[in-house]
Amino acid sequence: MRYVVITAEELGHLREGLQVLDSLNEPDEPMVELYVYGLTDNANALAAVKEAVTYWLDEEIPEQDVNVNEAAFIIPVSTDTLYYLMGSGLMLSQNDEVAYRGGPEGPRTISLPPGVTRVRLTVGHFKAIALARDDYSAEDFLAKYGTKAQAAAPQRVERTEPAQAPAVAPETPAGAVAPKASSLKFNVEEWLD
């Protein structure tokens, strides 16, 4: 698995650990790349996702027609990003990535577009949190830990054939007698003797 589900408390401990690791690194030395996946149904965050979906779609569709019930934000890990996530909130903006349920084709990942409504997220906004080694497993995280209930888009249904009357159970003849339950028992031991 490319990610592990963690708690907000564990995320705080990760920040403390990263501070120690940062002190060991030489300047310009790359750190291990990690990502936080934060699953949320926060209204402001979802508004930004809807804005991104309408921006990246090939066809023009009103934002209110986009159906997004939850999303998993993909956040690169650093001591600073964890500080803001654990405190006053991390401001997400252009080019930050998010996974959302893309309808029948399943989860999709998109970037927040230029001029997107700025979103401030804290760990309190997250229903589930994961720590990941990459930024491309968020769709799987959303599929496994997100709610499966996706509001169904209204569909137009037309009959191709006229409605049929419900099936009626056949009636038993007036003189028929059902067999007794005791006569239905079969004694295997007697049969074997």
C-alpha atoms as a PDB file:
ATOM      1  CA  MET A   1       0.000   0.000   0.000  1.00  0.00           C
ATOM      2  CA  ARG A   2       1.269   3.454  -0.858  1.00  0.00           C
ATOM      3  CA  TYR A   3      -0.452   5.210   2.066  1.00  0.00           C
ATOM      4  CA  VAL A   4      -1.384   4.580   5.678  1.00  0.00           C
ATOM      5  CA  VAL A   5      -4.408   5.994   7.495  1.00  0.00           C
ATOM      6  CA  ILE A   6      -3.419   8.063  10.525  1.00  0.00           C
ATOM      7  CA  THR A   7      -5.018  10.244  13.192  1.00  0.00           C
ATOM      8  CA  ALA A   8      -4.657  13.983  13.725  1.00  0.00           C
ATOM      9  CA  GLU A   9      -2.522  13.258  16.798  1.00  0.00           C
ATOM     10  CA  GLU A  10      -0.144  11.108  14.728  1.00  0.00           C
ATOM     11  CA  LEU A  11       0.065  13.924  12.185  1.00  0.00           C
ATOM     12  CA  GLY A  12       1.209  16.233  14.995  1.00  0.00           C
ATOM     13  CA  HIS A  13       3.907  13.741  15.978  1.00  0.00           C
ATOM     14  CA  LEU A  14       5.022  13.605  12.356  1.00  0.00           C
ATOM     15  CA  ARG A  15       5.600  17.356  12.430  1.00  0.00           C
ATOM     16  CA  GLU A  16       7.830  16.957  15.491  1.00  0.00           C
ATOM     17  CA  GLY A  17       9.776  14.185  13.751  1.00  0.00           C
ATOM     18  CA  LEU A  18      10.214  16.251  10.602  1.00  0.00           C
ATOM     19  CA  GLN A  19      11.660  19.110  12.657  1.00  0.00           C
ATOM     20  CA  VAL A  20      14.362  16.745  13.911  1.00  0.00           C
ATOM     21  CA  LEU A  21      15.048  15.442  10.395  1.00  0.00           C
ATOM     22  CA  ASP A  22      15.209  18.992   9.016  1.00  0.00           C
ATOM     23  CA  SER A  23      17.970  19.790  11.518  1.00  0.00           C
ATOM     24  CA  LEU A  24      20.023  16.876  10.132  1.00  0.00           C
ATOM     25  CA  ASN A  25      19.692  17.891   6.493  1.00  0.00           C
ATOM     26  CA  GLU A  26      22.274  20.006   4.757  1.00  0.00           C
ATOM     27  CA  PRO A  27      21.032  23.028   2.802  1.00  0.00           C
ATOM     28  CA  ASP A  28      19.754  22.059  -0.665  1.00  0.00           C
ATOM     29  CA  GLU A  29      19.604  18.401   0.377  1.00  0.00           C
ATOM     30  CA  PRO A  30      16.241  16.912  -0.634  1.00  0.00           C
ATOM     31  CA  MET A  31      13.911  15.575   2.033  1.00  0.00           C
ATOM     32  CA  VAL A  32      11.830  12.461   1.645  1.00  0.00           C
ATOM     33  CA  GLU A  33       8.666  13.395  -0.221  1.00  0.00           C
ATOM     34  CA  LEU A  34       5.497  12.622   1.696  1.00  0.00           C
ATOM     35  CA  TYR A  35       1.897  13.684   1.200  1.00  0.00           C
ATOM     36  CA  VAL A  36      -1.152  14.022   3.397  1.00  0.00           C
ATOM     37  CA  TYR A  37      -4.505  13.000   1.978  1.00  0.00           C
ATOM     38  CA  GLY A  38      -7.304  14.792   3.775  1.00  0.00           C
ATOM     39  CA  LEU A  39     -10.845  13.559   3.132  1.00  0.00           C
ATOM     40  CA  THR A  40     -13.413  16.296   3.691  1.00  0.00           C
ATOM     41  CA  ASP A  41     -17.022  17.259   3.090  1.00  0.00           C
ATOM     42  CA  ASN A  42     -16.448  20.889   4.144  1.00  0.00           C
ATOM     43  CA  ALA A  43     -18.737  23.178   2.111  1.00  0.00           C
ATOM     44  CA  ASN A  44     -16.015  25.769   1.313  1.00  0.00           C
ATOM     45  CA  ALA A  45     -13.574  23.092   0.199  1.00  0.00           C
ATOM     46  CA  LEU A  46     -16.211  21.424  -1.978  1.00  0.00           C
ATOM     47  CA  ALA A  47     -17.086  24.794  -3.540  1.00  0.00           C
ATOM     48  CA  ALA A  48     -13.460  25.106  -4.672  1.00  0.00           C
ATOM     49  CA  VAL A  49     -13.560  21.560  -6.069  1.00  0.00           C
ATOM     50  CA  LYS A  50     -16.767  22.324  -7.994  1.00  0.00           C
ATOM     51  CA  GLU A  51     -15.125  25.454  -9.348  1.00  0.00           C
ATOM     52  CA  ALA A  52     -12.152  23.358 -10.498  1.00  0.00           C
ATOM     53  CA  VAL A  53     -14.379  20.737 -12.130  1.00  0.00           C
ATOM     54  CA  THR A  54     -16.269  23.369 -14.146  1.00  0.00           C
ATOM     55  CA  TYR A  55     -12.977  25.011 -15.131  1.00  0.00           C
ATOM     56  CA  TRP A  56     -11.375  21.800 -16.454  1.00  0.00           C
ATOM     57  CA  LEU A  57     -14.437  20.332 -18.207  1.00  0.00           C
ATOM     58  CA  ASP A  58     -14.525  20.504 -21.988  1.00  0.00           C
ATOM     59  CA  GLU A  59     -18.191  21.462 -21.962  1.00  0.00           C
ATOM     60  CA  GLU A  60     -19.673  24.429 -20.199  1.00  0.00           C
ATOM     61  CA  ILE A  61     -21.719  23.413 -17.174  1.00  0.00           C
ATOM     62  CA  PRO A  62     -23.039  25.570 -14.327  1.00  0.00           C
ATOM     63  CA  GLU A  63     -21.193  25.084 -11.039  1.00  0.00           C
ATOM     64  CA  GLN A  64     -24.451  24.284  -9.202  1.00  0.00           C
ATOM     65  CA  ASP A  65     -24.953  21.275 -11.515  1.00  0.00           C
ATOM     66  CA  VAL A  66     -21.642  19.713 -10.456  1.00  0.00           C
ATOM     67  CA  ASN A  67     -22.233  17.007  -7.853  1.00  0.00           C
ATOM     68  CA  VAL A  68     -19.349  16.673  -5.386  1.00  0.00           C
ATOM     69  CA  ASN A  69     -20.157  15.347  -1.894  1.00  0.00           C
ATOM     70  CA  GLU A  70     -16.601  14.900  -0.628  1.00  0.00           C
ATOM     71  CA  ALA A  71     -13.034  15.225  -1.797  1.00  0.00           C
ATOM     72  CA  ALA A  72      -9.526  14.188  -0.780  1.00  0.00           C
ATOM     73  CA  PHE A  73      -7.044  17.043  -0.840  1.00  0.00           C
ATOM     74  CA  ILE A  74      -3.439  16.096  -1.641  1.00  0.00           C
ATOM     75  CA  ILE A  75      -1.047  18.146   0.483  1.00  0.00           C
ATOM     76  CA  PRO A  76       2.768  17.937   0.238  1.00  0.00           C
ATOM     77  CA  VAL A  77       4.241  17.390   3.713  1.00  0.00           C
ATOM     78  CA  SER A  78       6.638  19.856   5.302  1.00  0.00           C
ATOM     79  CA  THR A  79       7.006  21.193   8.814  1.00  0.00           C
ATOM     80  CA  ASP A  80       5.305  24.407   7.657  1.00  0.00           C
ATOM     81  CA  THR A  81       2.305  22.751   6.014  1.00  0.00           C
ATOM     82  CA  LEU A  82       1.785  20.539   9.070  1.00  0.00           C
ATOM     83  CA  TYR A  83       2.094  23.580  11.340  1.00  0.00           C
ATOM     84  CA  TYR A  84      -0.732  25.337   9.486  1.00  0.00           C
ATOM     85  CA  LEU A  85      -2.876  22.202   9.163  1.00  0.00           C
ATOM     86  CA  MET A  86      -2.621  21.635  12.915  1.00  0.00           C
ATOM     87  CA  GLY A  87      -3.239  25.305  13.733  1.00  0.00           C
ATOM     88  CA  SER A  88      -4.914  28.225  11.996  1.00  0.00           C
ATOM     89  CA  GLY A  89      -5.339  26.445   8.677  1.00  0.00           C
ATOM     90  CA  LEU A  90      -3.460  25.846   5.454  1.00  0.00           C
ATOM     91  CA  MET A  91      -4.464  28.032   2.512  1.00  0.00           C
ATOM     92  CA  LEU A  92      -4.877  26.006  -0.649  1.00  0.00           C
ATOM     93  CA  SER A  93      -4.700  27.729  -3.979  1.00  0.00           C
ATOM     94  CA  GLN A  94      -3.883  27.315  -7.659  1.00  0.00           C
ATOM     95  CA  ASN A  95      -2.238  24.009  -8.694  1.00  0.00           C
ATOM     96  CA  ASP A  96      -3.015  22.234  -5.413  1.00  0.00           C
ATOM     97  CA  GLU A  97      -4.465  18.828  -6.229  1.00  0.00           C
ATOM     98  CA  VAL A  98      -7.666  17.167  -5.112  1.00  0.00           C
ATOM     99  CA  ALA A  99      -9.333  13.809  -5.800  1.00  0.00           C
ATOM    100  CA  TYR A 100     -13.117  13.694  -6.149  1.00  0.00           C
ATOM    101  CA  ARG A 101     -15.712  11.187  -7.299  1.00  0.00           C
ATOM    102  CA  GLY A 102     -15.970  11.847 -11.004  1.00  0.00           C
ATOM    103  CA  GLY A 103     -19.306  10.117 -11.573  1.00  0.00           C
ATOM    104  CA  PRO A 104     -19.580   6.783 -13.362  1.00  0.00           C
ATOM    105  CA  GLU A 105     -15.890   6.716 -14.258  1.00  0.00           C
ATOM    106  CA  GLY A 106     -14.917   6.747 -10.565  1.00  0.00           C
ATOM    107  CA  PRO A 107     -12.527   9.007  -8.639  1.00  0.00           C
ATOM    108  CA  ARG A 108     -10.489  11.563 -10.560  1.00  0.00           C
ATOM    109  CA  THR A 109      -7.693  13.938  -9.598  1.00  0.00           C
ATOM    110  CA  ILE A 110      -7.597  17.546 -10.744  1.00  0.00           C
ATOM    111  CA  SER A 111      -5.629  20.686  -9.931  1.00  0.00           C
ATOM    112  CA  LEU A 112      -7.249  23.768  -8.517  1.00  0.00           C
ATOM    113  CA  PRO A 113      -7.377  26.342 -11.348  1.00  0.00           C
ATOM    114  CA  PRO A 114      -6.056  29.913 -11.460  1.00  0.00           C
ATOM    115  CA  GLY A 115      -8.279  32.304  -9.545  1.00  0.00           C
ATOM    116  CA  VAL A 116      -9.960  29.538  -7.549  1.00  0.00           C
ATOM    117  CA  THR A 117     -11.688  30.523  -4.341  1.00  0.00           C
ATOM    118  CA  ARG A 118      -9.020  30.213  -1.678  1.00  0.00           C
ATOM    119  CA  VAL A 119      -9.688  27.506   0.876  1.00  0.00           C
ATOM    120  CA  ARG A 120      -8.311  27.276   4.407  1.00  0.00           C
ATOM    121  CA  LEU A 121      -8.195  23.703   5.739  1.00  0.00           C
ATOM    122  CA  THR A 122      -7.302  22.308   9.147  1.00  0.00           C
ATOM    123  CA  VAL A 123      -7.178  18.715  10.345  1.00  0.00           C
ATOM    124  CA  GLY A 124     -10.564  19.402  11.946  1.00  0.00           C
ATOM    125  CA  HIS A 125     -12.081  19.522   8.451  1.00  0.00           C
ATOM    126  CA  PHE A 126     -10.902  16.005   7.645  1.00  0.00           C
ATOM    127  CA  LYS A 127     -13.074  12.908   8.156  1.00  0.00           C
ATOM    128  CA  ALA A 128     -10.071  10.686   7.393  1.00  0.00           C
ATOM    129  CA  ILE A 129      -6.342  11.369   7.032  1.00  0.00           C
ATOM    130  CA  ALA A 130      -3.641   9.335   5.331  1.00  0.00           C
ATOM    131  CA  LEU A 131       0.100   9.698   5.008  1.00  0.00           C
ATOM    132  CA  ALA A 132       1.371   8.744   1.553  1.00  0.00           C
ATOM    133  CA  ARG A 133       4.645   8.234  -0.283  1.00  0.00           C
ATOM    134  CA  ASP A 134       3.236   9.695  -3.490  1.00  0.00           C
ATOM    135  CA  ASP A 135       0.513  11.943  -4.774  1.00  0.00           C
ATOM    136  CA  TYR A 136      -1.216   9.423  -7.051  1.00  0.00           C
ATOM    137  CA  SER A 137      -2.944   7.116  -4.563  1.00  0.00           C
ATOM    138  CA  ALA A 138      -5.506   9.680  -3.393  1.00  0.00           C
ATOM    139  CA  GLU A 139      -8.159   8.278  -5.739  1.00  0.00           C
ATOM    140  CA  ASP A 140      -7.787   4.866  -4.096  1.00  0.00           C
ATOM    141  CA  PHE A 141      -7.921   6.489  -0.641  1.00  0.00           C
ATOM    142  CA  LEU A 142     -11.135   8.308  -1.593  1.00  0.00           C
ATOM    143  CA  ALA A 143     -12.682   5.120  -2.968  1.00  0.00           C
ATOM    144  CA  LYS A 144     -11.856   3.126   0.184  1.00  0.00           C
ATOM    145  CA  TYR A 145     -12.510   5.658   2.944  1.00  0.00           C
ATOM    146  CA  GLY A 146     -15.030   8.031   1.388  1.00  0.00           C
ATOM    147  CA  THR A 147     -18.743   7.528   1.583  1.00  0.00           C
ATOM    148  CA  LYS A 148     -20.091   5.322  -1.149  1.00  0.00           C
ATOM    149  CA  ALA A 149     -23.350   7.253  -1.282  1.00  0.00           C
ATOM    150  CA  GLN A 150     -23.058   9.516  -4.279  1.00  0.00           C
ATOM    151  CA  ALA A 151     -26.161  11.567  -4.847  1.00  0.00           C
ATOM    152  CA  ALA A 152     -27.740  10.174  -7.964  1.00  0.00           C
ATOM    153  CA  ALA A 153     -28.171  12.581 -10.820  1.00  0.00           C
ATOM    154  CA  PRO A 154     -31.762  12.720 -11.975  1.00  0.00           C
ATOM    155  CA  GLN A 155     -32.270  10.434 -14.932  1.00  0.00           C
ATOM    156  CA  ARG A 156     -35.005  10.571 -17.493  1.00  0.00           C
ATOM    157  CA  VAL A 157     -36.665   7.187 -17.864  1.00  0.00           C
ATOM    158  CA  GLU A 158     -39.054   6.254 -20.665  1.00  0.00           C
ATOM    159  CA  ARG A 159     -41.013   3.021 -21.031  1.00  0.00           C
ATOM    160  CA  THR A 160     -40.293   0.961 -24.097  1.00  0.00           C
ATOM    161  CA  GLU A 161     -43.221  -1.387 -23.430  1.00  0.00           C
ATOM    162  CA  PRO A 162     -46.556  -0.895 -21.661  1.00  0.00           C
ATOM    163  CA  ALA A 163     -46.690  -1.731 -17.969  1.00  0.00           C
ATOM    164  CA  GLN A 164     -47.667  -5.280 -17.106  1.00  0.00           C
ATOM    165  CA  ALA A 165     -50.091  -6.387 -14.413  1.00  0.00           C
ATOM    166  CA  PRO A 166     -48.430  -7.984 -11.361  1.00  0.00           C
ATOM    167  CA  ALA A 167     -48.088 -11.767 -11.433  1.00  0.00           C
ATOM    168  CA  VAL A 168     -50.802 -13.692  -9.572  1.00  0.00           C
ATOM    169  CA  ALA A 169     -49.962 -16.856  -7.622  1.00  0.00           C
ATOM    170  CA  PRO A 170     -51.764 -19.980  -8.902  1.00  0.00           C
ATOM    171  CA  GLU A 171     -54.670 -21.173  -6.784  1.00  0.00           C
ATOM    172  CA  THR A 172     -54.680 -24.678  -5.259  1.00  0.00           C
ATOM    173  CA  PRO A 173     -57.675 -26.861  -6.097  1.00  0.00           C
ATOM    174  CA  ALA A 174     -60.404 -26.983  -3.418  1.00  0.00           C
ATOM    175  CA  GLY A 175     -59.994 -30.716  -2.627  1.00  0.00           C
ATOM    176  CA  ALA A 176     -56.167 -30.787  -2.627  1.00  0.00           C
ATOM    177  CA  VAL A 177     -54.402 -31.678   0.605  1.00  0.00           C
ATOM    178  CA  ALA A 178     -50.872 -30.630   1.422  1.00  0.00           C
ATOM    179  CA  PRO A 179     -48.568 -33.443   2.644  1.00  0.00           C
ATOM    180  CA  LYS A 180     -47.906 -33.597   6.389  1.00  0.00           C
ATOM    181  CA  ALA A 181     -44.538 -32.381   7.574  1.00  0.00           C
ATOM    182  CA  SER A 182     -43.854 -35.758   9.253  1.00  0.00           C
ATOM    183  CA  SER A 183     -44.338 -37.616   5.959  1.00  0.00           C
ATOM    184  CA  LEU A 184     -41.644 -35.478   4.364  1.00  0.00           C
ATOM    185  CA  LYS A 185     -38.930 -36.670   6.765  1.00  0.00           C
ATOM    186  CA  PHE A 186     -36.588 -39.290   5.449  1.00  0.00           C
ATOM    187  CA  ASN A 187     -34.688 -41.533   7.829  1.00  0.00           C
ATOM    188  CA  VAL A 188     -31.277 -42.138   6.319  1.00  0.00           C
ATOM    189  CA  GLU A 189     -30.221 -44.701   8.971  1.00  0.00           C
ATOM    190  CA  GLU A 190     -33.240 -46.959   8.226  1.00  0.00           C
ATOM    191  CA  TRP A 191     -32.559 -46.724   4.535  1.00  0.00           C
ATOM    192  CA  LEU A 192     -28.898 -47.708   5.008  1.00  0.00           C
ATOM    193  CA  ASP A 193     -29.755 -50.843   7.087  1.00  0.00           C
END
